[in-house]
């Protein structure tokens, strides 16, 4: 009987390793699929706005506020259900990763005086992970440290954070504006 239990335990461990590998690969595919995506946060939706207008809105912001008329927006759409008093974000895709980097480099000064901003589009896993790391991120930002999140890892002043992950936090703060990099 003991040999059977060991065999079953080994099979279970092997199956768990396969599942973990498949989950990791799926997350990598998700990250690759949204590699050129960004989010426009806080831009108010007009009454009766049609889905096609999202591309025009983003293109206009890139041309006027960011002074980047050369960047091509391939697709854009609002996410979430319409709710009164709540502004839906616009997810948009640019043609190349270099365009995305150009937007990131120009967004810091171009959109400072606006009520909206541009941030990276993240997988659900990465959004939850950042939410868990929020107290550490907020502390580092208060200390004026360089904070980046890349492929599931937090970097503070160029060093990968390997400390404990705090219990889920409900704090609000500047976390949504941390620099995303690929």
C-alpha atoms as a PDB file:
ATOM      1  CA  UNK A   1       0.000   0.000   0.000  1.00  0.00           C
ATOM      2  CA  UNK A   2       2.812   2.399   0.808  1.00  0.00           C
ATOM      3  CA  UNK A   3       4.297   1.952  -2.657  1.00  0.00           C
ATOM      4  CA  UNK A   4       0.916   2.768  -4.189  1.00  0.00           C
ATOM      5  CA  UNK A   5       0.642   5.940  -2.072  1.00  0.00           C
ATOM      6  CA  UNK A   6       4.131   7.021  -3.123  1.00  0.00           C
ATOM      7  CA  UNK A   7       3.291   6.377  -6.755  1.00  0.00           C
ATOM      8  CA  UNK A   8       0.065   8.383  -6.481  1.00  0.00           C
ATOM      9  CA  UNK A   9       1.900  11.206  -4.681  1.00  0.00           C
ATOM     10  CA  UNK A  10       4.539  11.297  -7.420  1.00  0.00           C
ATOM     11  CA  UNK A  11       1.834  11.390 -10.103  1.00  0.00           C
ATOM     12  CA  UNK A  12       0.068  14.209  -8.263  1.00  0.00           C
ATOM     13  CA  UNK A  13       3.311  16.172  -7.931  1.00  0.00           C
ATOM     14  CA  UNK A  14       4.057  15.685 -11.629  1.00  0.00           C
ATOM     15  CA  UNK A  15       0.546  16.837 -12.569  1.00  0.00           C
ATOM     16  CA  UNK A  16       0.901  19.919 -10.340  1.00  0.00           C
ATOM     17  CA  UNK A  17       4.208  20.816 -12.015  1.00  0.00           C
ATOM     18  CA  UNK A  18       2.577  20.524 -15.440  1.00  0.00           C
ATOM     19  CA  UNK A  19      -0.334  22.729 -14.316  1.00  0.00           C
ATOM     20  CA  UNK A  20       2.043  25.365 -12.906  1.00  0.00           C
ATOM     21  CA  UNK A  21       4.041  25.343 -16.142  1.00  0.00           C
ATOM     22  CA  UNK A  22       0.878  25.752 -18.228  1.00  0.00           C
ATOM     23  CA  UNK A  23      -0.304  28.632 -16.006  1.00  0.00           C
ATOM     24  CA  UNK A  24       3.086  30.346 -16.389  1.00  0.00           C
ATOM     25  CA  UNK A  25       2.971  29.904 -20.161  1.00  0.00           C
ATOM     26  CA  UNK A  26      -0.601  31.227 -20.338  1.00  0.00           C
ATOM     27  CA  UNK A  27       0.445  34.321 -18.369  1.00  0.00           C
ATOM     28  CA  UNK A  28       3.388  34.828 -20.747  1.00  0.00           C
ATOM     29  CA  UNK A  29       1.003  34.593 -23.727  1.00  0.00           C
ATOM     30  CA  UNK A  30      -1.371  37.100 -22.097  1.00  0.00           C
ATOM     31  CA  UNK A  31       1.500  39.522 -21.471  1.00  0.00           C
ATOM     32  CA  UNK A  32       2.687  39.156 -25.054  1.00  0.00           C
ATOM     33  CA  UNK A  33      -0.833  39.718 -26.415  1.00  0.00           C
ATOM     34  CA  UNK A  34      -1.168  43.056 -24.598  1.00  0.00           C
ATOM     35  CA  UNK A  35       2.445  44.133 -25.040  1.00  0.00           C
ATOM     36  CA  UNK A  36       1.505  47.150 -27.190  1.00  0.00           C
ATOM     37  CA  UNK A  37      -1.615  48.057 -25.180  1.00  0.00           C
ATOM     38  CA  UNK A  38      -2.006  51.128 -22.985  1.00  0.00           C
ATOM     39  CA  UNK A  39      -4.859  52.557 -20.916  1.00  0.00           C
ATOM     40  CA  UNK A  40      -6.210  56.080 -20.904  1.00  0.00           C
ATOM     41  CA  UNK A  41      -7.564  56.631 -17.396  1.00  0.00           C
ATOM     42  CA  UNK A  42      -9.886  59.439 -16.314  1.00  0.00           C
ATOM     43  CA  UNK A  43     -10.986  60.773 -19.712  1.00  0.00           C
ATOM     44  CA  UNK A  44     -14.706  61.529 -19.386  1.00  0.00           C
ATOM     45  CA  UNK A  45     -17.149  59.788 -21.658  1.00  0.00           C
ATOM     46  CA  UNK A  46     -19.561  61.959 -23.614  1.00  0.00           C
ATOM     47  CA  UNK A  47     -23.260  61.180 -23.672  1.00  0.00           C
ATOM     48  CA  UNK A  48     -23.995  58.943 -26.649  1.00  0.00           C
ATOM     49  CA  UNK A  49     -20.312  58.295 -27.386  1.00  0.00           C
ATOM     50  CA  UNK A  50     -19.898  55.498 -29.927  1.00  0.00           C
ATOM     51  CA  UNK A  51     -17.261  52.784 -29.735  1.00  0.00           C
ATOM     52  CA  UNK A  52     -15.494  54.087 -32.868  1.00  0.00           C
ATOM     53  CA  UNK A  53     -14.865  57.432 -31.185  1.00  0.00           C
ATOM     54  CA  UNK A  54     -12.370  55.927 -28.724  1.00  0.00           C
ATOM     55  CA  UNK A  55      -9.713  55.700 -31.460  1.00  0.00           C
ATOM     56  CA  UNK A  56     -10.269  59.360 -32.374  1.00  0.00           C
ATOM     57  CA  UNK A  57     -10.052  60.441 -28.723  1.00  0.00           C
ATOM     58  CA  UNK A  58      -6.748  58.653 -28.152  1.00  0.00           C
ATOM     59  CA  UNK A  59      -5.285  59.810 -31.474  1.00  0.00           C
ATOM     60  CA  UNK A  60      -6.256  63.403 -30.647  1.00  0.00           C
ATOM     61  CA  UNK A  61      -4.608  63.223 -27.214  1.00  0.00           C
ATOM     62  CA  UNK A  62      -1.423  61.797 -28.694  1.00  0.00           C
ATOM     63  CA  UNK A  63      -1.331  64.511 -31.365  1.00  0.00           C
ATOM     64  CA  UNK A  64      -2.117  67.522 -29.167  1.00  0.00           C
ATOM     65  CA  UNK A  65      -1.099  66.750 -25.588  1.00  0.00           C
ATOM     66  CA  UNK A  66       1.811  64.399 -26.214  1.00  0.00           C
ATOM     67  CA  UNK A  67       2.925  66.070 -29.461  1.00  0.00           C
ATOM     68  CA  UNK A  68       3.166  62.655 -31.128  1.00  0.00           C
ATOM     69  CA  UNK A  69       1.124  62.699 -34.365  1.00  0.00           C
ATOM     70  CA  UNK A  70       3.360  59.948 -35.788  1.00  0.00           C
ATOM     71  CA  UNK A  71       2.024  57.277 -33.420  1.00  0.00           C
ATOM     72  CA  UNK A  72      -0.648  55.070 -34.980  1.00  0.00           C
ATOM     73  CA  UNK A  73      -3.501  53.816 -32.789  1.00  0.00           C
ATOM     74  CA  UNK A  74      -4.639  50.483 -34.213  1.00  0.00           C
ATOM     75  CA  UNK A  75      -7.604  49.888 -31.923  1.00  0.00           C
ATOM     76  CA  UNK A  76      -9.286  51.476 -28.905  1.00  0.00           C
ATOM     77  CA  UNK A  77     -12.327  50.725 -26.795  1.00  0.00           C
ATOM     78  CA  UNK A  78     -13.841  51.559 -23.414  1.00  0.00           C
ATOM     79  CA  UNK A  79     -13.781  48.768 -20.820  1.00  0.00           C
ATOM     80  CA  UNK A  80     -16.442  47.913 -18.278  1.00  0.00           C
ATOM     81  CA  UNK A  81     -20.143  48.571 -18.062  1.00  0.00           C
ATOM     82  CA  UNK A  82     -21.529  52.091 -18.241  1.00  0.00           C
ATOM     83  CA  UNK A  83     -22.338  53.357 -14.755  1.00  0.00           C
ATOM     84  CA  UNK A  84     -23.440  56.841 -13.850  1.00  0.00           C
ATOM     85  CA  UNK A  85     -20.708  58.802 -12.119  1.00  0.00           C
ATOM     86  CA  UNK A  86     -17.990  56.344 -13.134  1.00  0.00           C
ATOM     87  CA  UNK A  87     -15.498  56.997 -15.925  1.00  0.00           C
ATOM     88  CA  UNK A  88     -14.623  53.950 -18.020  1.00  0.00           C
ATOM     89  CA  UNK A  89     -11.018  53.555 -19.105  1.00  0.00           C
ATOM     90  CA  UNK A  90      -9.997  53.352 -22.750  1.00  0.00           C
ATOM     91  CA  UNK A  91      -7.704  50.474 -23.689  1.00  0.00           C
ATOM     92  CA  UNK A  92      -5.774  51.158 -26.872  1.00  0.00           C
ATOM     93  CA  UNK A  93      -3.173  49.398 -28.986  1.00  0.00           C
ATOM     94  CA  UNK A  94      -0.343  51.155 -30.776  1.00  0.00           C
ATOM     95  CA  UNK A  95       1.371  49.758 -33.837  1.00  0.00           C
ATOM     96  CA  UNK A  96       4.762  49.020 -32.263  1.00  0.00           C
ATOM     97  CA  UNK A  97       6.448  48.661 -28.906  1.00  0.00           C
ATOM     98  CA  UNK A  98       8.690  51.617 -29.831  1.00  0.00           C
ATOM     99  CA  UNK A  99       5.549  53.760 -30.108  1.00  0.00           C
ATOM    100  CA  UNK A 100       4.559  52.610 -26.627  1.00  0.00           C
ATOM    101  CA  UNK A 101       7.972  53.590 -25.266  1.00  0.00           C
ATOM    102  CA  UNK A 102       7.695  56.985 -26.978  1.00  0.00           C
ATOM    103  CA  UNK A 103       4.341  57.574 -25.278  1.00  0.00           C
ATOM    104  CA  UNK A 104       5.815  56.657 -21.901  1.00  0.00           C
ATOM    105  CA  UNK A 105       8.731  59.028 -22.377  1.00  0.00           C
ATOM    106  CA  UNK A 106       6.482  61.941 -23.355  1.00  0.00           C
ATOM    107  CA  UNK A 107       3.600  61.329 -20.943  1.00  0.00           C
ATOM    108  CA  UNK A 108       5.339  62.596 -17.810  1.00  0.00           C
ATOM    109  CA  UNK A 109       5.369  66.221 -18.892  1.00  0.00           C
ATOM    110  CA  UNK A 110       2.638  66.295 -21.521  1.00  0.00           C
ATOM    111  CA  UNK A 111      -0.239  65.132 -19.346  1.00  0.00           C
ATOM    112  CA  UNK A 112       0.777  66.604 -15.974  1.00  0.00           C
ATOM    113  CA  UNK A 113      -1.915  69.296 -15.947  1.00  0.00           C
ATOM    114  CA  UNK A 114      -4.706  67.017 -17.159  1.00  0.00           C
ATOM    115  CA  UNK A 115      -7.334  65.091 -15.224  1.00  0.00           C
ATOM    116  CA  UNK A 116      -6.426  61.955 -17.135  1.00  0.00           C
ATOM    117  CA  UNK A 117      -3.281  59.924 -17.652  1.00  0.00           C
ATOM    118  CA  UNK A 118      -1.874  57.047 -19.687  1.00  0.00           C
ATOM    119  CA  UNK A 119      -0.669  53.862 -18.042  1.00  0.00           C
ATOM    120  CA  UNK A 120       0.261  50.339 -19.078  1.00  0.00           C
ATOM    121  CA  UNK A 121      -2.392  47.683 -19.689  1.00  0.00           C
ATOM    122  CA  UNK A 122      -1.725  44.757 -17.357  1.00  0.00           C
ATOM    123  CA  UNK A 123      -2.962  41.207 -17.004  1.00  0.00           C
ATOM    124  CA  UNK A 124      -5.382  40.485 -14.179  1.00  0.00           C
ATOM    125  CA  UNK A 125      -2.614  38.562 -12.386  1.00  0.00           C
ATOM    126  CA  UNK A 126      -0.255  41.556 -12.571  1.00  0.00           C
ATOM    127  CA  UNK A 127      -2.959  43.984 -11.364  1.00  0.00           C
ATOM    128  CA  UNK A 128      -3.641  41.747  -8.346  1.00  0.00           C
ATOM    129  CA  UNK A 129       0.079  41.338  -7.675  1.00  0.00           C
ATOM    130  CA  UNK A 130       0.631  45.114  -7.746  1.00  0.00           C
ATOM    131  CA  UNK A 131      -2.356  45.505  -5.416  1.00  0.00           C
ATOM    132  CA  UNK A 132      -0.702  43.130  -2.942  1.00  0.00           C
ATOM    133  CA  UNK A 133       2.608  45.002  -3.232  1.00  0.00           C
ATOM    134  CA  UNK A 134       0.928  48.404  -2.863  1.00  0.00           C
ATOM    135  CA  UNK A 135       2.272  49.228   0.643  1.00  0.00           C
ATOM    136  CA  UNK A 136       5.849  48.522  -0.489  1.00  0.00           C
ATOM    137  CA  UNK A 137       5.384  50.482  -3.728  1.00  0.00           C
ATOM    138  CA  UNK A 138       3.819  53.459  -1.936  1.00  0.00           C
ATOM    139  CA  UNK A 139       6.632  53.534   0.641  1.00  0.00           C
ATOM    140  CA  UNK A 140       9.297  53.440  -2.085  1.00  0.00           C
ATOM    141  CA  UNK A 141       7.538  56.228  -3.991  1.00  0.00           C
ATOM    142  CA  UNK A 142       7.323  58.382  -0.841  1.00  0.00           C
ATOM    143  CA  UNK A 143      11.082  57.891  -0.520  1.00  0.00           C
ATOM    144  CA  UNK A 144      11.439  59.095  -4.153  1.00  0.00           C
ATOM    145  CA  UNK A 145      12.835  55.763  -5.321  1.00  0.00           C
ATOM    146  CA  UNK A 146      12.573  54.508  -8.895  1.00  0.00           C
ATOM    147  CA  UNK A 147       9.784  51.888  -8.976  1.00  0.00           C
ATOM    148  CA  UNK A 148       9.176  49.537 -11.915  1.00  0.00           C
ATOM    149  CA  UNK A 149       7.062  46.443 -12.366  1.00  0.00           C
ATOM    150  CA  UNK A 150       8.089  44.049 -15.113  1.00  0.00           C
ATOM    151  CA  UNK A 151       6.737  40.597 -15.975  1.00  0.00           C
ATOM    152  CA  UNK A 152       5.528  39.831 -12.470  1.00  0.00           C
ATOM    153  CA  UNK A 153       8.511  41.313 -10.628  1.00  0.00           C
ATOM    154  CA  UNK A 154       8.847  44.557  -8.669  1.00  0.00           C
ATOM    155  CA  UNK A 155      12.085  46.522  -9.009  1.00  0.00           C
ATOM    156  CA  UNK A 156      13.013  49.345  -6.624  1.00  0.00           C
ATOM    157  CA  UNK A 157      16.028  51.427  -7.658  1.00  0.00           C
ATOM    158  CA  UNK A 158      17.012  48.663 -10.070  1.00  0.00           C
ATOM    159  CA  UNK A 159      16.959  45.892  -7.441  1.00  0.00           C
ATOM    160  CA  UNK A 160      14.367  43.129  -7.598  1.00  0.00           C
ATOM    161  CA  UNK A 161      12.150  43.125  -4.508  1.00  0.00           C
ATOM    162  CA  UNK A 162      12.316  39.703  -2.863  1.00  0.00           C
ATOM    163  CA  UNK A 163      10.782  40.554   0.506  1.00  0.00           C
ATOM    164  CA  UNK A 164       7.489  39.352   1.914  1.00  0.00           C
ATOM    165  CA  UNK A 165       4.254  40.214   0.152  1.00  0.00           C
ATOM    166  CA  UNK A 166       1.962  42.013   2.608  1.00  0.00           C
ATOM    167  CA  UNK A 167      -1.633  40.998   3.226  1.00  0.00           C
ATOM    168  CA  UNK A 168      -4.055  42.437   0.671  1.00  0.00           C
ATOM    169  CA  UNK A 169      -4.346  46.198   1.100  1.00  0.00           C
ATOM    170  CA  UNK A 170      -7.255  48.552   0.462  1.00  0.00           C
ATOM    171  CA  UNK A 171      -5.074  51.683   0.418  1.00  0.00           C
ATOM    172  CA  UNK A 172      -5.285  54.157  -2.408  1.00  0.00           C
ATOM    173  CA  UNK A 173      -2.430  56.191  -3.744  1.00  0.00           C
ATOM    174  CA  UNK A 174      -0.107  56.722  -6.658  1.00  0.00           C
ATOM    175  CA  UNK A 175       0.402  53.018  -7.433  1.00  0.00           C
ATOM    176  CA  UNK A 176      -1.552  53.205 -10.685  1.00  0.00           C
ATOM    177  CA  UNK A 177       1.131  55.495 -12.071  1.00  0.00           C
ATOM    178  CA  UNK A 178       4.168  53.296 -11.415  1.00  0.00           C
ATOM    179  CA  UNK A 179       6.303  52.801 -14.449  1.00  0.00           C
ATOM    180  CA  UNK A 180       5.642  49.620 -16.351  1.00  0.00           C
ATOM    181  CA  UNK A 181       8.411  48.247 -18.507  1.00  0.00           C
ATOM    182  CA  UNK A 182       8.935  45.277 -20.780  1.00  0.00           C
END
